[in-house]
Amino acid sequence: MSLRYALLGLLSERPASGYALTQRFEQSLQKYAWHANHSQIYPELAKLAADGLVTVVEEGARGRRTYAITDAGREALREWLLTSGGGPRRVRNEAVLRTFLLSTLEPADAALLLRGYVDRSARDLAELQAVVADLEASEQAGEPQRFGRFAAEFGVRQYAAFHDWAQWALARVESATPDEGDGQESGA
């Protein structure tokens, strides 16, 4: 159901074709917030149009359509944003699942996994910090925040927290792992 609102949000910024929306997902939303591919986006656009939440404002070659959000779409988006979402959250986070199962690994393998988390989170954090710096440089004083600015800052803080956690977990695993050359046998 959130794909519907992601599309409405993107269209609230400016009209776009299904192809352009797919590109936006691939360039920003997919990595940081929500995954969707063209086989999901096009049918959802048709549903949004049938529900009167978007309208086709231009038709081009090869059936290309440009969609714009309607007033009803803006109201639906507003209502969704202001609703808490009440039900139980369904989370799918593979990194968290792997850390939940970390104790099933030998300490050396756990450290290997955690080193990968430390390295990857440092790269991801630096990449997103550069995005935020670009957003900040392009902001004009007194103007509303640009699209995605709050999400980008959330991502920076989330990556920083994950990076700090990965360093902490790695230090704990490494401090509990005997050096291979210290003469202790495994399982002693």
Protein backbone atom coordinates (compact mmCIF):
# COMPACT_ATOMS: atom_id res chain seq x y z
CA MET A 1 0.00 0.00 0.00
CA SER A 2 2.90 2.40 0.63
CA LEU A 3 3.89 2.32 -3.05
CA ARG A 4 0.69 4.25 -3.77
CA TYR A 5 1.74 7.01 -1.40
CA ALA A 6 5.34 7.03 -2.55
CA LEU A 7 4.10 7.66 -6.10
CA LEU A 8 1.69 10.35 -4.92
CA GLY A 9 4.53 12.02 -3.03
CA LEU A 10 6.82 11.98 -6.04
CA LEU A 11 4.05 13.35 -8.25
CA SER A 12 3.29 16.08 -5.73
CA GLU A 13 6.71 17.52 -6.52
CA ARG A 14 6.17 17.52 -10.30
CA PRO A 15 4.34 15.56 -13.03
CA ALA A 16 6.25 12.56 -14.35
CA SER A 17 6.02 9.52 -16.59
CA GLY A 18 6.15 5.97 -15.29
CA TYR A 19 9.69 5.75 -16.64
CA ALA A 20 10.77 8.91 -14.79
CA LEU A 21 9.18 7.61 -11.59
CA THR A 22 11.03 4.30 -11.98
CA GLN A 23 14.27 6.28 -12.36
CA ARG A 24 13.53 8.24 -9.19
CA PHE A 25 13.00 4.99 -7.28
CA GLU A 26 16.26 3.56 -8.60
CA GLN A 27 18.27 6.70 -7.86
CA SER A 28 17.07 7.55 -4.37
CA LEU A 29 14.09 5.81 -2.82
CA GLN A 30 15.15 2.25 -3.59
CA LYS A 31 18.41 2.48 -1.69
CA TYR A 32 17.18 4.45 1.28
CA ALA A 33 13.44 3.99 1.73
CA TRP A 34 11.34 1.83 -0.58
CA HIS A 35 11.95 -0.60 -3.41
CA ALA A 36 9.72 -0.72 -6.47
CA ASN A 37 10.35 -1.66 -10.07
CA HIS A 38 8.54 -0.74 -13.26
CA SER A 39 6.36 -3.87 -13.15
CA GLN A 40 4.90 -2.56 -9.89
CA ILE A 41 4.86 1.15 -10.71
CA TYR A 42 2.87 1.06 -13.96
CA PRO A 43 -0.07 -0.97 -12.59
CA GLU A 44 -0.18 1.25 -9.49
CA LEU A 45 -0.30 4.37 -11.67
CA ALA A 46 -3.28 2.86 -13.51
CA LYS A 47 -5.02 2.22 -10.16
CA LEU A 48 -4.28 5.75 -8.97
CA ALA A 49 -5.75 7.13 -12.21
CA ALA A 50 -8.83 4.91 -11.89
CA ASP A 51 -9.28 6.17 -8.31
CA GLY A 52 -9.00 9.80 -9.47
CA LEU A 53 -5.84 10.43 -7.44
CA VAL A 54 -3.69 11.15 -10.51
CA THR A 55 -4.51 12.21 -14.03
CA VAL A 56 -2.76 11.81 -17.35
CA VAL A 57 -1.67 15.29 -18.43
CA GLU A 58 0.26 14.32 -21.55
CA GLU A 59 0.48 11.35 -23.90
CA GLY A 60 3.49 10.83 -26.08
CA ALA A 61 5.05 8.36 -28.48
CA ARG A 62 4.79 4.63 -27.78
CA GLY A 63 2.03 5.16 -25.19
CA ARG A 64 4.18 7.27 -22.90
CA ARG A 65 2.00 9.02 -20.34
CA THR A 66 2.86 11.83 -17.98
CA TYR A 67 0.91 11.81 -14.73
CA ALA A 68 0.08 14.62 -12.32
CA ILE A 69 -1.41 14.41 -8.87
CA THR A 70 -5.00 15.64 -8.45
CA ASP A 71 -6.45 17.55 -5.51
CA ALA A 72 -7.98 14.27 -4.33
CA GLY A 73 -4.52 12.69 -4.57
CA ARG A 74 -2.99 15.48 -2.50
CA GLU A 75 -5.69 15.00 0.13
CA ALA A 76 -5.16 11.20 0.17
CA LEU A 77 -1.40 11.75 0.57
CA ARG A 78 -1.95 14.28 3.35
CA GLU A 79 -4.33 11.92 5.18
CA TRP A 80 -1.90 9.02 4.89
CA LEU A 81 1.02 11.12 6.14
CA LEU A 82 -0.94 12.33 9.16
CA THR A 83 -2.27 8.88 10.07
CA SER A 84 -0.13 6.89 12.47
CA GLY A 85 -0.42 3.61 10.63
CA GLY A 86 -1.93 2.01 13.75
CA GLY A 87 -1.39 -1.68 12.95
CA PRO A 88 1.60 -3.81 13.81
CA ARG A 89 4.76 -2.92 11.94
CA ARG A 90 6.14 -5.51 9.59
CA VAL A 91 9.87 -5.12 9.34
CA ARG A 92 12.16 -6.86 6.89
CA ASN A 93 15.75 -5.97 7.59
CA GLU A 94 18.23 -8.61 6.52
CA ALA A 95 21.13 -7.01 8.42
CA VAL A 96 19.16 -7.13 11.68
CA LEU A 97 18.16 -10.75 11.03
CA ARG A 98 21.81 -11.64 10.46
CA THR A 99 22.84 -9.92 13.70
CA PHE A 100 20.04 -11.71 15.56
CA LEU A 101 21.63 -14.98 14.38
CA LEU A 102 25.24 -13.82 14.83
CA SER A 103 25.85 -16.10 17.81
CA THR A 104 25.44 -19.14 15.54
CA LEU A 105 28.76 -18.28 13.88
CA GLU A 106 32.24 -19.02 15.09
CA PRO A 107 33.77 -15.82 16.54
CA ALA A 108 36.17 -15.39 13.59
CA ASP A 109 33.27 -15.60 11.13
CA ALA A 110 31.19 -13.22 13.23
CA ALA A 111 34.09 -10.75 13.22
CA LEU A 112 34.37 -11.11 9.43
CA LEU A 113 30.68 -10.29 9.02
CA LEU A 114 30.92 -7.33 11.40
CA ARG A 115 34.03 -5.95 9.67
CA GLY A 116 31.99 -5.95 6.48
CA TYR A 117 29.25 -4.01 8.27
CA VAL A 118 31.78 -1.48 9.58
CA ASP A 119 33.30 -0.94 6.13
CA ARG A 120 29.97 -0.81 4.27
CA SER A 121 28.32 1.49 6.80
CA ALA A 122 31.29 3.88 6.62
CA ARG A 123 30.98 4.03 2.81
CA ASP A 124 27.19 4.42 2.91
CA LEU A 125 27.43 7.11 5.58
CA ALA A 126 30.01 9.09 3.59
CA GLU A 127 27.89 8.80 0.43
CA LEU A 128 24.76 10.05 2.14
CA GLN A 129 26.64 12.83 3.94
CA ALA A 130 27.75 14.05 0.49
CA VAL A 131 24.11 14.02 -0.67
CA VAL A 132 23.10 16.06 2.38
CA ALA A 133 25.97 18.51 1.82
CA ASP A 134 24.78 19.01 -1.78
CA LEU A 135 21.21 19.57 -0.57
CA GLU A 136 22.38 22.07 2.04
CA ALA A 137 24.51 23.94 -0.50
CA SER A 138 21.55 24.33 -2.84
CA GLU A 139 19.06 25.47 -0.19
CA GLN A 140 18.12 29.12 -0.12
CA ALA A 141 17.56 30.79 3.24
CA GLY A 142 13.89 30.99 4.12
CA GLU A 143 12.74 28.54 1.42
CA PRO A 144 10.94 25.29 2.27
CA GLN A 145 13.09 22.19 2.62
CA ARG A 146 13.74 20.37 -0.65
CA PHE A 147 12.10 17.05 -1.41
CA GLY A 148 13.80 14.25 0.50
CA ARG A 149 15.90 16.51 2.74
CA PHE A 150 14.39 15.21 5.98
CA ALA A 151 14.69 11.60 4.79
CA ALA A 152 18.33 12.18 3.87
CA GLU A 153 19.09 13.53 7.34
CA PHE A 154 17.27 10.56 8.88
CA GLY A 155 19.44 8.28 6.75
CA VAL A 156 22.64 10.00 7.88
CA ARG A 157 21.70 9.52 11.50
CA GLN A 158 20.59 5.94 10.91
CA TYR A 159 23.82 5.04 9.10
CA ALA A 160 25.86 6.74 11.83
CA ALA A 161 24.05 4.73 14.51
CA PHE A 162 24.51 1.50 12.54
CA HIS A 163 28.20 2.28 12.03
CA ASP A 164 28.69 2.97 15.75
CA TRP A 165 26.86 -0.25 16.62
CA ALA A 166 28.91 -2.30 14.13
CA GLN A 167 32.16 -0.96 15.61
CA TRP A 168 30.91 -1.76 19.14
CA ALA A 169 29.82 -5.29 18.17
CA LEU A 170 33.08 -5.97 16.35
CA ALA A 171 35.10 -4.82 19.38
CA ARG A 172 33.07 -7.14 21.63
CA VAL A 173 33.51 -10.13 19.34
CA GLU A 174 37.22 -9.46 18.88
CA SER A 175 37.81 -9.03 22.62
CA ALA A 176 36.15 -12.41 23.26
CA THR A 177 38.07 -14.15 20.46
CA PRO A 178 41.41 -15.64 21.49
CA ASP A 179 44.30 -14.93 19.15
CA GLU A 180 44.97 -17.89 16.88
CA GLY A 181 48.62 -17.97 17.88
CA ASP A 182 48.13 -17.89 21.67
CA GLY A 183 48.15 -21.66 22.18
CA GLN A 184 44.54 -21.99 23.33
CA GLU A 185 42.48 -24.69 21.66
CA SER A 186 39.03 -24.03 20.31
CA GLY A 187 36.26 -24.96 22.76
CA ALA A 188 38.53 -24.88 25.82
